Protein backbone atom coordinates (compact mmCIF):
# COMPACT_ATOMS: atom_id res chain seq x y z
CA MET A 1 -5.59 -7.19 -8.79
CA PRO A 2 -6.82 -8.93 -5.20
CA VAL A 3 -4.18 -9.44 -2.98
CA LYS A 4 -4.76 -11.30 0.99
CA GLU A 5 -5.85 -8.31 1.99
CA GLY A 6 -6.98 -5.73 0.48
CA VAL A 7 -5.37 -4.89 -3.21
CA LEU A 8 -2.57 -4.67 -5.86
CA ILE A 9 -1.93 -1.07 -6.83
CA GLU A 10 1.41 -0.54 -9.07
CA ASP A 11 3.02 -3.47 -7.04
CA TRP A 12 2.20 -2.64 -4.44
CA PRO A 13 -0.95 -3.49 -1.93
CA VAL A 14 -3.19 -1.27 -0.21
CA GLN A 15 -5.22 -1.94 2.51
CA PHE A 16 -8.34 0.64 3.57
CA VAL A 17 -8.41 0.61 6.97
CA PRO A 18 -10.84 3.09 9.54
CA THR A 19 -9.16 6.01 11.33
CA PHE A 20 -8.70 5.43 15.11
CA ALA A 21 -5.09 7.09 15.61
CA ALA A 22 -3.83 11.53 15.58
CA VAL A 23 -1.32 9.61 12.49
CA GLN A 24 -4.02 8.51 11.10
CA GLU A 25 -5.97 11.10 10.79
CA GLU A 26 -3.79 13.66 9.76
CA ALA A 27 -2.70 11.32 7.08
CA ILE A 28 -6.45 11.60 5.49
CA ALA A 29 -6.67 15.06 6.21
CA ARG A 30 -3.14 15.46 4.05
CA ALA A 31 -3.96 13.09 1.49
CA ARG A 32 -3.77 13.47 -1.71
CA ARG A 33 -6.01 12.60 -4.87
CA VAL A 34 -5.82 10.98 -7.25
CA GLU A 35 -8.21 9.11 -9.97
CA TYR A 36 -7.81 5.45 -10.29
CA GLY A 37 -9.68 3.54 -13.47
CA GLY A 38 -11.99 6.47 -13.70
CA THR A 39 -13.06 7.23 -10.05
CA HIS A 40 -11.46 9.83 -7.53
CA THR A 41 -9.35 8.72 -4.68
CA PHE A 42 -7.37 10.02 -1.56
CA ILE A 43 -4.37 8.48 -0.60
CA PHE A 44 -1.72 9.23 2.20
CA SER A 45 1.91 9.32 1.18
CA ALA A 46 4.37 7.53 1.84
CA GLU A 47 5.93 8.97 4.85
CA HIS A 48 1.84 9.01 6.72
CA LEU A 49 2.17 5.17 5.07
CA GLY A 50 5.35 4.87 7.54
CA ALA A 51 4.25 6.42 10.53
CA GLU A 52 1.23 4.57 10.52
CA LEU A 53 3.18 0.98 9.61
CA LEU A 54 5.31 1.29 12.86
CA ARG A 55 2.99 3.30 14.62
CA SER A 56 0.21 -0.55 14.44
CA GLY A 57 3.54 -2.49 15.78
CA LYS A 58 3.33 -5.98 13.89
CA LEU A 59 5.36 -7.49 12.71
CA LYS A 60 4.35 -7.26 8.64
CA ASP A 61 3.93 -3.43 9.09
CA GLN A 62 7.33 -2.86 10.56
CA VAL A 63 8.23 -5.06 7.24
CA ARG A 64 6.53 -2.55 5.24
CA VAL A 65 8.18 0.23 7.09
CA ILE A 66 11.36 -1.53 6.23
CA ASP A 67 10.09 -2.04 2.51
CA LEU A 68 9.79 2.15 1.57
CA ILE A 69 13.19 3.17 3.39
CA GLU A 70 14.65 0.50 1.30
CA ALA A 71 12.32 1.26 -2.16
CA LYS A 72 12.89 5.43 -1.70
CA LYS A 73 9.30 6.07 -1.55
CA MET A 74 9.82 8.60 2.13
CA ASP A 75 11.32 11.61 2.09
CA MET A 76 12.73 10.73 5.65
CA ASN A 77 13.32 13.97 7.21
CA VAL A 78 9.15 14.58 6.45
CA PHE A 79 9.06 11.22 8.08
CA ARG A 80 11.04 11.82 11.12
CA ASP A 81 8.87 14.86 11.27
CA ILE A 82 5.67 12.76 11.22
CA ILE A 83 6.97 10.90 14.43
CA SER A 84 8.41 13.27 16.29
CA ARG A 85 4.79 14.66 16.48
CA HIS A 86 2.39 11.57 17.17
CA GLY A 87 4.88 10.47 19.47
CA LEU A 88 5.75 7.46 18.01
CA THR A 89 10.03 8.15 18.51
CA GLU A 90 10.77 5.66 20.41
CA LYS A 91 9.33 2.78 18.06
CA TRP A 92 11.18 4.09 15.10
CA LYS A 93 14.64 3.77 17.27
CA GLU A 94 13.91 0.62 18.67
CA LEU A 95 13.10 -0.63 15.19
CA ILE A 96 16.46 0.61 13.74
CA THR A 97 18.27 -1.34 16.79
CA ARG A 98 16.22 -3.92 16.34
CA TYR A 99 16.86 -4.08 11.52
CA GLU A 100 20.59 -2.40 12.65
CA LEU A 101 18.94 0.61 9.80
CA GLU A 102 20.65 3.18 9.45
CA GLU A 103 18.40 6.59 10.76
C-alpha cells in the first residue's frame, strides 16, 4: 500500500534512502535478507533504523524513534551500542530529555 514517503509493510511505513553516513553503511552491511512479494531484499534491524532516525535529527524521525521504543521493536542494549559507536549519544540524551523518556 503506498504511503506519502515510501510503502507500507505490515502497518509500518518504509522508506528507501541512499547511504552517506557510517551508521547507514553498517546497517546495510548487517541487513537481514527477507523475501517480500516473491522478491528478496535486505532490511535494517530495528536498532539500526532507530539509530539512523536519531542521526537525521528531524522531528518526524524523532517521533519514529519513540514509536519504535514504545512498540518494543528494539533491543535497547543493541541500540545503545550502535549509537555509542556512531557518536550519537548526545543526540540520544537530548531526545530522552526533550520527550521525558526513560533511559
